[in-house]
Structure formats: C-alpha cells, structure tokens
Amino acid sequence: MMQNNPHNPQNTISPMKGADFRSENELMEKVAILQREFQDIDVNHDTWISRPELYNYLDRRSGGPFDRGIADEIYERMDKDRDGRITINEFIKVYIEADEMLRKKIESGKINKESYKRQQEECERKAEEEKRNEKLTAYGIAHNSIVHVTVLAATNLGQGAGRRPPQNPYIQISFNDEDIFESKIAPGGVSVEWNEKVTFDVVNPESFLKFTVYDSKIPTGNTFEGYVAMELRELRDQNQHDFALDLLNEDGQPGRGQLHLKLQWIHSKVN
C-alpha cells in the first residue's frame, strides 16, 4: 500500500479519494501533471512551497511581476492548515477542487440552457395554440380586444388674458362620440392631476377617442376647457404609449394647456 511520505512528492495520497465523478485514470493523470507543476515551483526541493517560491513561479508564468495581492490570496487558499507552507497534498487538493467547481458550473450552465430552451419551446407552443384558438371579428381583431386608458394630468390650464385656471376640472371620455367615462372632479389650478384608469372593449379598429376637459358642473352647463382626439390605429403596435397632447379649442384649433395620458390597445394575444 502506498504510504504518505512528505519528503517524496511523488508518493502522495490522492486528496479526492472516493470521488466518483471521473475515472481513476483521468484523476491520476491530473495528479501526475500537478506533481510535476509542484516540483517546478519547489525550486529548492524541500517538499513544500514557500511564499517567495510561489511569487517567482507566478512572475515566470506571467512574464513579469505578478500582482502580489492576488499571489497572496492564492497562497493563503492553498495553505489550508495555515502553517506558512504549501504541501503537495494541499497544492493538488486546491487545484482539483477548483477544477471540480468549474466542472459543476459548466454542467449547471448546460442545465440552465436546456431549461431555458424548454421554456422557450413551451412559450412558442402556447403562442401557436393561442393563434389557432384566437377568434377574430370581421375587422380582423380579437373578440376580447380592449383599450387601457390612464388619465394622468393636465398642465398650463387657464393661461392668457381674461382667463383663469379651472376651479373644478374633470374629464369626459367618449368613444366614437359615445360617452363612456367621466373622471372625478379634481382640485383646480393651472396644473391638475386625476390619475384615473379605465378599460373598455373595442370592436371596430377604425374608432376614435376623444378626451374633453370641463370645469365646474353647473345647472346652466359645463365650462369647456379644451379637448384632444385620436384615432385608435395610432395604438396598433399594442405598446403602452405616454402622450402629452395640446388641448384644442371648440374650433379644433390649438388652445392652451396639455393633457397627459397613457394608452394601450390590446387587440391580439399572438401578434
């Protein structure tokens, strides 16, 4: 039986005894290479590596002065019993542990890659299934087509000679000239915030939206502040859009103030 003789670096006990992740021949080849490497570093052949010997070896390998901070980290990692010297068993053990750690990371990466590939294939399968099952209207959009609207705020209201900021502003939303939503009344001022959300169904993609800002609900009528209008087709890409749109006056000409909105039209789950 082989005995551990500290004065003979060729005569060592494998630090990876019992490992079943590689063949014995592969392991012994690795050990033999590391034994030769150890002898190359151990220039005085006293069977252990000193810190200066490691410095000299790293300098030779790098072709110039090797970073001493990194060299010290390597030395301290190998000197497992903290006795100020590196034995051949410590040297081999650290190298093989690092090799095994790298192998596990590579295997883990392969597993993650396979998992991602399966998830991607599953998503593609579901997308194809959705595409087959999605029911379209005569207009070529999904039956459950919807528009998400967030009325954020209005700014620069009531500016100019003879005008005052609205006192009780609110917004009315109409879809194809049909009123579908009325916001709460917000505190008045030059800048007004609502932050209200509404969702509604869409059948015809050739529809249009209109947002009208009013002030002061009174029996004799609402006070008109301005409006913006847009065609639904502007949202065809299904992305969420942030708009800051100039308010128009009753003649459809640019008035004063801007309306801030978030809009998104979802008309298909597969496009």
C-alpha atoms as a PDB file:
ATOM      1  CA  MET A   1       0.000   0.000   0.000  1.00  0.00           C
ATOM      2  CA  MET A   2       1.255   3.463  -0.861  1.00  0.00           C
ATOM      3  CA  GLN A   3       2.315   5.478   2.198  1.00  0.00           C
ATOM      4  CA  ASN A   4       2.325   9.247   2.559  1.00  0.00           C
ATOM      5  CA  ASN A   5       5.932  10.398   2.718  1.00  0.00           C
ATOM      6  CA  PRO A   6       6.264  14.224   2.981  1.00  0.00           C
ATOM      7  CA  HIS A   7       9.858  14.001   1.690  1.00  0.00           C
ATOM      8  CA  ASN A   8       8.817  12.346  -1.564  1.00  0.00           C
ATOM      9  CA  PRO A   9       6.331  14.450  -3.589  1.00  0.00           C
ATOM     10  CA  GLN A  10       5.804  11.539  -5.991  1.00  0.00           C
ATOM     11  CA  ASN A  11       4.399   9.441  -3.171  1.00  0.00           C
ATOM     12  CA  THR A  12       1.096  11.037  -2.146  1.00  0.00           C
ATOM     13  CA  ILE A  13      -2.408  10.017  -1.149  1.00  0.00           C
ATOM     14  CA  SER A  14      -4.988  11.341  -3.566  1.00  0.00           C
ATOM     15  CA  PRO A  15      -6.979  14.177  -1.919  1.00  0.00           C
ATOM     16  CA  MET A  16     -10.001  13.175  -3.984  1.00  0.00           C
ATOM     17  CA  LYS A  17     -10.237   9.583  -2.740  1.00  0.00           C
ATOM     18  CA  GLY A  18     -13.704   8.165  -3.209  1.00  0.00           C
ATOM     19  CA  ALA A  19     -14.759  10.695  -5.846  1.00  0.00           C
ATOM     20  CA  ASP A  20     -16.945   9.095  -8.477  1.00  0.00           C
ATOM     21  CA  PHE A  21     -17.248  11.984 -10.956  1.00  0.00           C
ATOM     22  CA  ARG A  22     -14.302  10.901 -13.141  1.00  0.00           C
ATOM     23  CA  SER A  23     -12.365   7.769 -13.990  1.00  0.00           C
ATOM     24  CA  GLU A  24      -9.365   6.771 -11.878  1.00  0.00           C
ATOM     25  CA  ASN A  25      -7.055   7.065 -14.875  1.00  0.00           C
ATOM     26  CA  GLU A  26      -8.194  10.618 -15.605  1.00  0.00           C
ATOM     27  CA  LEU A  27      -7.681  11.571 -11.963  1.00  0.00           C
ATOM     28  CA  MET A  28      -4.210  10.024 -11.785  1.00  0.00           C
ATOM     29  CA  GLU A  29      -3.177  11.831 -14.982  1.00  0.00           C
ATOM     30  CA  LYS A  30      -4.280  15.108 -13.425  1.00  0.00           C
ATOM     31  CA  VAL A  31      -2.381  14.311 -10.222  1.00  0.00           C
ATOM     32  CA  ALA A  32       0.777  13.465 -12.183  1.00  0.00           C
ATOM     33  CA  ILE A  33       0.618  16.815 -14.022  1.00  0.00           C
ATOM     34  CA  LEU A  34       0.145  18.671 -10.731  1.00  0.00           C
ATOM     35  CA  GLN A  35       3.048  16.783  -9.146  1.00  0.00           C
ATOM     36  CA  ARG A  36       5.332  17.991 -11.945  1.00  0.00           C
ATOM     37  CA  GLU A  37       3.971  21.501 -11.539  1.00  0.00           C
ATOM     38  CA  PHE A  38       4.665  21.358  -7.807  1.00  0.00           C
ATOM     39  CA  GLN A  39       8.280  20.289  -8.428  1.00  0.00           C
ATOM     40  CA  ASP A  40       8.710  23.177 -10.860  1.00  0.00           C
ATOM     41  CA  ILE A  41       7.591  25.658  -8.183  1.00  0.00           C
ATOM     42  CA  ASP A  42       9.554  23.970  -5.361  1.00  0.00           C
ATOM     43  CA  VAL A  43      12.941  25.105  -6.680  1.00  0.00           C
ATOM     44  CA  ASN A  44      14.914  24.045  -3.566  1.00  0.00           C
ATOM     45  CA  HIS A  45      13.167  20.653  -3.462  1.00  0.00           C
ATOM     46  CA  ASP A  46      12.387  20.747   0.237  1.00  0.00           C
ATOM     47  CA  THR A  47       8.920  19.215  -0.493  1.00  0.00           C
ATOM     48  CA  TRP A  48       6.933  22.346   0.298  1.00  0.00           C
ATOM     49  CA  ILE A  49       6.312  25.679  -1.417  1.00  0.00           C
ATOM     50  CA  SER A  50       7.218  28.923   0.282  1.00  0.00           C
ATOM     51  CA  ARG A  51       5.661  32.271  -0.482  1.00  0.00           C
ATOM     52  CA  PRO A  52       8.766  33.566  -2.362  1.00  0.00           C
ATOM     53  CA  GLU A  53       8.803  30.384  -4.482  1.00  0.00           C
ATOM     54  CA  LEU A  54       5.190  30.972  -5.485  1.00  0.00           C
ATOM     55  CA  TYR A  55       5.993  34.627  -6.272  1.00  0.00           C
ATOM     56  CA  ASN A  56       8.912  33.576  -8.530  1.00  0.00           C
ATOM     57  CA  TYR A  57       6.815  30.949 -10.289  1.00  0.00           C
ATOM     58  CA  LEU A  58       3.952  33.368 -10.992  1.00  0.00           C
ATOM     59  CA  ASP A  59       6.399  36.019 -12.211  1.00  0.00           C
ATOM     60  CA  ARG A  60       7.879  33.480 -14.649  1.00  0.00           C
ATOM     61  CA  ARG A  61       4.480  32.364 -15.905  1.00  0.00           C
ATOM     62  CA  SER A  62       3.174  35.924 -16.387  1.00  0.00           C
ATOM     63  CA  GLY A  63       6.397  37.232 -17.972  1.00  0.00           C
ATOM     64  CA  GLY A  64       6.787  39.990 -15.369  1.00  0.00           C
ATOM     65  CA  PRO A  65       5.958  40.979 -11.791  1.00  0.00           C
ATOM     66  CA  PHE A  66       2.713  39.231 -10.825  1.00  0.00           C
ATOM     67  CA  ASP A  67       0.233  41.084  -8.606  1.00  0.00           C
ATOM     68  CA  ARG A  68       1.363  40.295  -5.040  1.00  0.00           C
ATOM     69  CA  GLY A  69      -2.122  40.791  -3.613  1.00  0.00           C
ATOM     70  CA  ILE A  70      -3.543  38.100  -5.889  1.00  0.00           C
ATOM     71  CA  ALA A  71      -0.477  35.901  -5.273  1.00  0.00           C
ATOM     72  CA  ASP A  72      -1.085  36.134  -1.517  1.00  0.00           C
ATOM     73  CA  GLU A  73      -4.735  35.140  -1.988  1.00  0.00           C
ATOM     74  CA  ILE A  74      -3.638  32.079  -3.970  1.00  0.00           C
ATOM     75  CA  TYR A  75      -1.058  31.157  -1.352  1.00  0.00           C
ATOM     76  CA  GLU A  76      -3.469  31.503   1.569  1.00  0.00           C
ATOM     77  CA  ARG A  77      -6.099  29.459  -0.267  1.00  0.00           C
ATOM     78  CA  MET A  78      -3.606  26.609  -0.760  1.00  0.00           C
ATOM     79  CA  ASP A  79      -2.154  26.787   2.744  1.00  0.00           C
ATOM     80  CA  LYS A  80      -5.169  25.087   4.278  1.00  0.00           C
ATOM     81  CA  ASP A  81      -3.644  24.340   7.693  1.00  0.00           C
ATOM     82  CA  ARG A  82      -2.187  27.867   7.939  1.00  0.00           C
ATOM     83  CA  ASP A  83       1.323  26.637   8.814  1.00  0.00           C
ATOM     84  CA  GLY A  84       3.041  29.014   6.399  1.00  0.00           C
ATOM     85  CA  ARG A  85       3.886  26.440   3.757  1.00  0.00           C
ATOM     86  CA  ILE A  86       2.107  24.545   0.997  1.00  0.00           C
ATOM     87  CA  THR A  87       2.475  20.774   0.883  1.00  0.00           C
ATOM     88  CA  ILE A  88       1.951  18.770  -2.273  1.00  0.00           C
ATOM     89  CA  ASN A  89      -1.334  17.380  -0.945  1.00  0.00           C
ATOM     90  CA  GLU A  90      -2.613  20.913  -0.266  1.00  0.00           C
ATOM     91  CA  PHE A  91      -1.458  22.007  -3.719  1.00  0.00           C
ATOM     92  CA  ILE A  92      -3.192  19.116  -5.510  1.00  0.00           C
ATOM     93  CA  LYS A  93      -6.343  19.315  -3.405  1.00  0.00           C
ATOM     94  CA  VAL A  94      -6.940  23.012  -4.115  1.00  0.00           C
ATOM     95  CA  TYR A  95      -6.313  22.603  -7.847  1.00  0.00           C
ATOM     96  CA  ILE A  96      -8.653  19.628  -8.149  1.00  0.00           C
ATOM     97  CA  GLU A  97     -11.322  21.330  -6.003  1.00  0.00           C
ATOM     98  CA  ALA A  98     -11.141  24.362  -8.312  1.00  0.00           C
ATOM     99  CA  ASP A  99     -11.357  22.076 -11.346  1.00  0.00           C
ATOM    100  CA  GLU A 100     -14.416  20.333  -9.899  1.00  0.00           C
ATOM    101  CA  MET A 101     -16.048  23.674  -9.075  1.00  0.00           C
ATOM    102  CA  LEU A 102     -15.530  24.798 -12.681  1.00  0.00           C
ATOM    103  CA  ARG A 103     -16.949  21.493 -13.970  1.00  0.00           C
ATOM    104  CA  LYS A 104     -20.066  21.896 -11.825  1.00  0.00           C
ATOM    105  CA  LYS A 105     -20.557  25.462 -13.053  1.00  0.00           C
ATOM    106  CA  ILE A 106     -20.282  24.297 -16.664  1.00  0.00           C
ATOM    107  CA  GLU A 107     -22.786  21.486 -16.017  1.00  0.00           C
ATOM    108  CA  SER A 108     -25.115  23.914 -14.248  1.00  0.00           C
ATOM    109  CA  GLY A 109     -24.862  26.266 -17.224  1.00  0.00           C
ATOM    110  CA  LYS A 110     -25.779  23.416 -19.575  1.00  0.00           C
ATOM    111  CA  ILE A 111     -28.773  22.518 -17.389  1.00  0.00           C
ATOM    112  CA  ASN A 112     -29.925  26.146 -17.292  1.00  0.00           C
ATOM    113  CA  LYS A 113     -29.513  26.389 -21.059  1.00  0.00           C
ATOM    114  CA  GLU A 114     -31.621  23.261 -21.556  1.00  0.00           C
ATOM    115  CA  SER A 115     -34.236  24.575 -19.123  1.00  0.00           C
ATOM    116  CA  TYR A 116     -34.390  27.902 -20.962  1.00  0.00           C
ATOM    117  CA  LYS A 117     -34.696  26.058 -24.281  1.00  0.00           C
ATOM    118  CA  ARG A 118     -37.614  24.002 -22.946  1.00  0.00           C
ATOM    119  CA  GLN A 119     -39.324  27.136 -21.604  1.00  0.00           C
ATOM    120  CA  GLN A 120     -38.843  28.875 -24.951  1.00  0.00           C
ATOM    121  CA  GLU A 121     -40.286  25.883 -26.799  1.00  0.00           C
ATOM    122  CA  GLU A 122     -43.248  25.807 -24.408  1.00  0.00           C
ATOM    123  CA  CYS A 123     -43.894  29.531 -24.953  1.00  0.00           C
ATOM    124  CA  GLU A 124     -43.746  29.040 -28.714  1.00  0.00           C
ATOM    125  CA  ARG A 125     -46.148  26.099 -28.438  1.00  0.00           C
ATOM    126  CA  LYS A 126     -48.601  28.152 -26.359  1.00  0.00           C
ATOM    127  CA  ALA A 127     -48.313  31.058 -28.794  1.00  0.00           C
ATOM    128  CA  GLU A 128     -49.169  28.756 -31.685  1.00  0.00           C
ATOM    129  CA  GLU A 129     -52.095  27.348 -29.709  1.00  0.00           C
ATOM    130  CA  GLU A 130     -53.328  30.876 -28.905  1.00  0.00           C
ATOM    131  CA  LYS A 131     -53.010  31.777 -32.579  1.00  0.00           C
ATOM    132  CA  ARG A 132     -55.088  28.778 -33.622  1.00  0.00           C
ATOM    133  CA  ASN A 133     -57.746  29.394 -30.977  1.00  0.00           C
ATOM    134  CA  GLU A 134     -57.961  33.184 -31.133  1.00  0.00           C
ATOM    135  CA  LYS A 135     -61.315  34.276 -32.523  1.00  0.00           C
ATOM    136  CA  LEU A 136     -61.256  37.365 -34.704  1.00  0.00           C
ATOM    137  CA  THR A 137     -64.001  39.818 -35.529  1.00  0.00           C
ATOM    138  CA  ALA A 138     -64.924  40.770 -39.062  1.00  0.00           C
ATOM    139  CA  TYR A 139     -62.423  43.613 -38.644  1.00  0.00           C
ATOM    140  CA  GLY A 140     -59.537  41.172 -38.055  1.00  0.00           C
ATOM    141  CA  ILE A 141     -59.013  41.877 -34.343  1.00  0.00           C
ATOM    142  CA  ALA A 142     -59.600  39.631 -31.328  1.00  0.00           C
ATOM    143  CA  HIS A 143     -63.123  39.467 -29.890  1.00  0.00           C
ATOM    144  CA  ASN A 144     -61.734  40.438 -26.471  1.00  0.00           C
ATOM    145  CA  SER A 145     -59.891  43.494 -27.792  1.00  0.00           C
ATOM    146  CA  ILE A 146     -59.571  46.201 -25.104  1.00  0.00           C
ATOM    147  CA  VAL A 147     -58.129  49.656 -24.573  1.00  0.00           C
ATOM    148  CA  HIS A 148     -56.442  50.682 -21.319  1.00  0.00           C
ATOM    149  CA  VAL A 149     -56.602  54.406 -20.549  1.00  0.00           C
ATOM    150  CA  THR A 150     -54.926  56.282 -17.718  1.00  0.00           C
ATOM    151  CA  VAL A 151     -55.855  59.942 -17.411  1.00  0.00           C
ATOM    152  CA  LEU A 152     -52.834  61.405 -15.661  1.00  0.00           C
ATOM    153  CA  ALA A 153     -52.991  65.193 -15.563  1.00  0.00           C
ATOM    154  CA  ALA A 154     -53.456  68.491 -17.370  1.00  0.00           C
ATOM    155  CA  THR A 155     -50.962  71.337 -17.302  1.00  0.00           C
ATOM    156  CA  ASN A 156     -50.817  75.018 -18.237  1.00  0.00           C
ATOM    157  CA  LEU A 157     -54.586  75.464 -17.943  1.00  0.00           C
ATOM    158  CA  GLY A 158     -56.277  78.885 -17.830  1.00  0.00           C
ATOM    159  CA  GLN A 159     -53.307  80.787 -19.187  1.00  0.00           C
ATOM    160  CA  GLY A 160     -53.673  84.052 -21.108  1.00  0.00           C
ATOM    161  CA  ALA A 161     -55.547  87.351 -20.874  1.00  0.00           C
ATOM    162  CA  GLY A 162     -59.016  87.193 -19.375  1.00  0.00           C
ATOM    163  CA  ARG A 163     -58.727  83.542 -18.416  1.00  0.00           C
ATOM    164  CA  ARG A 164     -58.483  81.892 -15.034  1.00  0.00           C
ATOM    165  CA  PRO A 165     -57.468  78.381 -14.057  1.00  0.00           C
ATOM    166  CA  PRO A 166     -60.379  75.900 -13.758  1.00  0.00           C
ATOM    167  CA  GLN A 167     -61.849  75.561 -10.272  1.00  0.00           C
ATOM    168  CA  ASN A 168     -63.452  72.085 -10.501  1.00  0.00           C
ATOM    169  CA  PRO A 169     -61.926  70.354 -13.520  1.00  0.00           C
ATOM    170  CA  TYR A 170     -62.919  66.899 -14.729  1.00  0.00           C
ATOM    171  CA  ILE A 171     -62.550  64.887 -17.919  1.00  0.00           C
ATOM    172  CA  GLN A 172     -65.112  63.169 -20.078  1.00  0.00           C
ATOM    173  CA  ILE A 173     -64.011  60.353 -22.397  1.00  0.00           C
ATOM    174  CA  SER A 174     -66.033  59.444 -25.450  1.00  0.00           C
ATOM    175  CA  PHE A 175     -65.543  56.596 -27.881  1.00  0.00           C
ATOM    176  CA  ASN A 176     -66.961  57.164 -31.364  1.00  0.00           C
ATOM    177  CA  ASP A 177     -68.951  60.097 -29.934  1.00  0.00           C
ATOM    178  CA  GLU A 178     -70.457  57.925 -27.202  1.00  0.00           C
ATOM    179  CA  ASP A 179     -69.653  58.977 -23.650  1.00  0.00           C
ATOM    180  CA  ILE A 180     -68.053  56.073 -21.792  1.00  0.00           C
ATOM    181  CA  PHE A 181     -66.335  57.604 -18.754  1.00  0.00           C
ATOM    182  CA  GLU A 182     -66.306  60.687 -16.559  1.00  0.00           C
ATOM    183  CA  SER A 183     -63.485  61.343 -14.144  1.00  0.00           C
ATOM    184  CA  LYS A 184     -63.721  62.624 -10.620  1.00  0.00           C
ATOM    185  CA  ILE A 185     -63.571  66.381 -10.001  1.00  0.00           C
ATOM    186  CA  ALA A 186     -60.025  67.344  -9.113  1.00  0.00           C
ATOM    187  CA  PRO A 187     -58.734  70.349  -7.149  1.00  0.00           C
ATOM    188  CA  GLY A 188     -58.472  73.308  -9.515  1.00  0.00           C
ATOM    189  CA  GLY A 189     -55.388  75.140 -10.639  1.00  0.00           C
ATOM    190  CA  VAL A 190     -53.015  75.664 -13.529  1.00  0.00           C
ATOM    191  CA  SER A 191     -51.929  72.012 -13.184  1.00  0.00           C
ATOM    192  CA  VAL A 192     -54.426  69.285 -12.314  1.00  0.00           C
ATOM    193  CA  GLU A 193     -53.956  65.583 -11.503  1.00  0.00           C
ATOM    194  CA  TRP A 194     -56.514  62.782 -11.845  1.00  0.00           C
ATOM    195  CA  ASN A 195     -54.539  59.524 -12.176  1.00  0.00           C
ATOM    196  CA  GLU A 196     -57.667  57.562 -13.064  1.00  0.00           C
ATOM    197  CA  LYS A 197     -57.764  54.335 -15.050  1.00  0.00           C
ATOM    198  CA  VAL A 198     -60.477  52.910 -17.272  1.00  0.00           C
ATOM    199  CA  THR A 199     -60.670  49.903 -19.599  1.00  0.00           C
ATOM    200  CA  PHE A 200     -63.232  49.343 -22.338  1.00  0.00           C
ATOM    201  CA  ASP A 201     -63.925  46.923 -25.195  1.00  0.00           C
ATOM    202  CA  VAL A 202     -63.165  47.636 -28.838  1.00  0.00           C
ATOM    203  CA  VAL A 203     -64.888  46.067 -31.843  1.00  0.00           C
ATOM    204  CA  ASN A 204     -64.021  48.369 -34.713  1.00  0.00           C
ATOM    205  CA  PRO A 205     -60.342  49.291 -35.179  1.00  0.00           C
ATOM    206  CA  GLU A 206     -61.377  52.362 -37.172  1.00  0.00           C
ATOM    207  CA  SER A 207     -62.677  54.001 -33.996  1.00  0.00           C
ATOM    208  CA  PHE A 208     -61.514  57.200 -32.357  1.00  0.00           C
ATOM    209  CA  LEU A 209     -61.152  58.518 -28.821  1.00  0.00           C
ATOM    210  CA  LYS A 210     -61.947  61.977 -27.533  1.00  0.00           C
ATOM    211  CA  PHE A 211     -60.927  63.481 -24.181  1.00  0.00           C
ATOM    212  CA  THR A 212     -62.676  66.696 -23.159  1.00  0.00           C
ATOM    213  CA  VAL A 213     -61.687  68.821 -20.183  1.00  0.00           C
ATOM    214  CA  TYR A 214     -64.520  70.675 -18.459  1.00  0.00           C
ATOM    215  CA  ASP A 215     -64.730  72.937 -15.446  1.00  0.00           C
ATOM    216  CA  SER A 216     -67.488  73.475 -12.891  1.00  0.00           C
ATOM    217  CA  LYS A 217     -70.550  71.317 -13.285  1.00  0.00           C
ATOM    218  CA  ILE A 218     -73.386  73.802 -13.044  1.00  0.00           C
ATOM    219  CA  PRO A 219     -77.113  73.645 -13.914  1.00  0.00           C
ATOM    220  CA  THR A 220     -76.666  76.065 -16.799  1.00  0.00           C
ATOM    221  CA  GLY A 221     -73.970  73.943 -18.426  1.00  0.00           C
ATOM    222  CA  ASN A 222     -70.361  72.872 -18.149  1.00  0.00           C
ATOM    223  CA  THR A 223     -67.480  75.200 -18.839  1.00  0.00           C
ATOM    224  CA  PHE A 224     -65.417  73.874 -21.746  1.00  0.00           C
ATOM    225  CA  GLU A 225     -61.620  73.990 -21.322  1.00  0.00           C
ATOM    226  CA  GLY A 226     -60.389  72.036 -24.321  1.00  0.00           C
ATOM    227  CA  TYR A 227     -60.180  68.581 -25.905  1.00  0.00           C
ATOM    228  CA  VAL A 228     -57.884  66.139 -27.670  1.00  0.00           C
ATOM    229  CA  ALA A 229     -58.863  63.384 -30.101  1.00  0.00           C
ATOM    230  CA  MET A 230     -57.016  60.486 -31.698  1.00  0.00           C
ATOM    231  CA  GLU A 231     -57.636  57.534 -33.935  1.00  0.00           C
ATOM    232  CA  LEU A 232     -57.347  54.089 -32.377  1.00  0.00           C
ATOM    233  CA  ARG A 233     -54.986  52.971 -35.141  1.00  0.00           C
ATOM    234  CA  GLU A 234     -52.269  55.111 -33.523  1.00  0.00           C
ATOM    235  CA  LEU A 235     -52.110  52.398 -30.837  1.00  0.00           C
ATOM    236  CA  ARG A 236     -51.928  49.491 -33.281  1.00  0.00           C
ATOM    237  CA  ASP A 237     -48.463  48.304 -32.075  1.00  0.00           C
ATOM    238  CA  GLN A 238     -50.011  47.214 -28.726  1.00  0.00           C
ATOM    239  CA  ASN A 239     -47.307  49.045 -26.752  1.00  0.00           C
ATOM    240  CA  GLN A 240     -48.143  51.374 -23.898  1.00  0.00           C
ATOM    241  CA  HIS A 241     -47.811  54.992 -25.008  1.00  0.00           C
ATOM    242  CA  ASP A 242     -47.310  58.112 -22.916  1.00  0.00           C
ATOM    243  CA  PHE A 243     -48.827  61.178 -24.537  1.00  0.00           C
ATOM    244  CA  ALA A 244     -48.636  64.884 -23.725  1.00  0.00           C
ATOM    245  CA  LEU A 245     -51.161  66.367 -26.174  1.00  0.00           C
ATOM    246  CA  ASP A 246     -52.058  70.007 -26.768  1.00  0.00           C
ATOM    247  CA  LEU A 247     -55.670  70.823 -25.935  1.00  0.00           C
ATOM    248  CA  LEU A 248     -57.740  72.139 -28.840  1.00  0.00           C
ATOM    249  CA  ASN A 249     -60.454  74.795 -28.623  1.00  0.00           C
ATOM    250  CA  GLU A 250     -64.045  74.400 -29.828  1.00  0.00           C
ATOM    251  CA  ASP A 251     -62.980  75.253 -33.377  1.00  0.00           C
ATOM    252  CA  GLY A 252     -60.372  72.485 -33.367  1.00  0.00           C
ATOM    253  CA  GLN A 253     -57.525  74.968 -33.219  1.00  0.00           C
ATOM    254  CA  PRO A 254     -54.666  74.822 -30.695  1.00  0.00           C
ATOM    255  CA  GLY A 255     -55.811  76.288 -27.409  1.00  0.00           C
ATOM    256  CA  ARG A 256     -54.000  76.449 -24.101  1.00  0.00           C
ATOM    257  CA  GLY A 257     -52.838  73.583 -21.943  1.00  0.00           C
ATOM    258  CA  GLN A 258     -51.756  69.993 -22.411  1.00  0.00           C
ATOM    259  CA  LEU A 259     -53.364  66.703 -21.450  1.00  0.00           C
ATOM    260  CA  HIS A 260     -51.186  63.822 -20.225  1.00  0.00           C
ATOM    261  CA  LEU A 261     -52.385  60.275 -20.931  1.00  0.00           C
ATOM    262  CA  LYS A 262     -51.239  56.666 -21.003  1.00  0.00           C
ATOM    263  CA  LEU A 263     -52.917  54.493 -23.636  1.00  0.00           C
ATOM    264  CA  GLN A 264     -52.603  50.885 -24.743  1.00  0.00           C
ATOM    265  CA  TRP A 265     -54.729  48.883 -27.150  1.00  0.00           C
ATOM    266  CA  ILE A 266     -54.530  45.070 -26.852  1.00  0.00           C
ATOM    267  CA  HIS A 267     -56.163  43.629 -29.952  1.00  0.00           C
ATOM    268  CA  SER A 268     -54.381  40.262 -30.212  1.00  0.00           C
ATOM    269  CA  LYS A 269     -52.502  37.868 -27.913  1.00  0.00           C
ATOM    270  CA  VAL A 270     -50.379  36.460 -30.689  1.00  0.00           C
ATOM    271  CA  ASN A 271     -49.238  39.484 -32.709  1.00  0.00           C
END
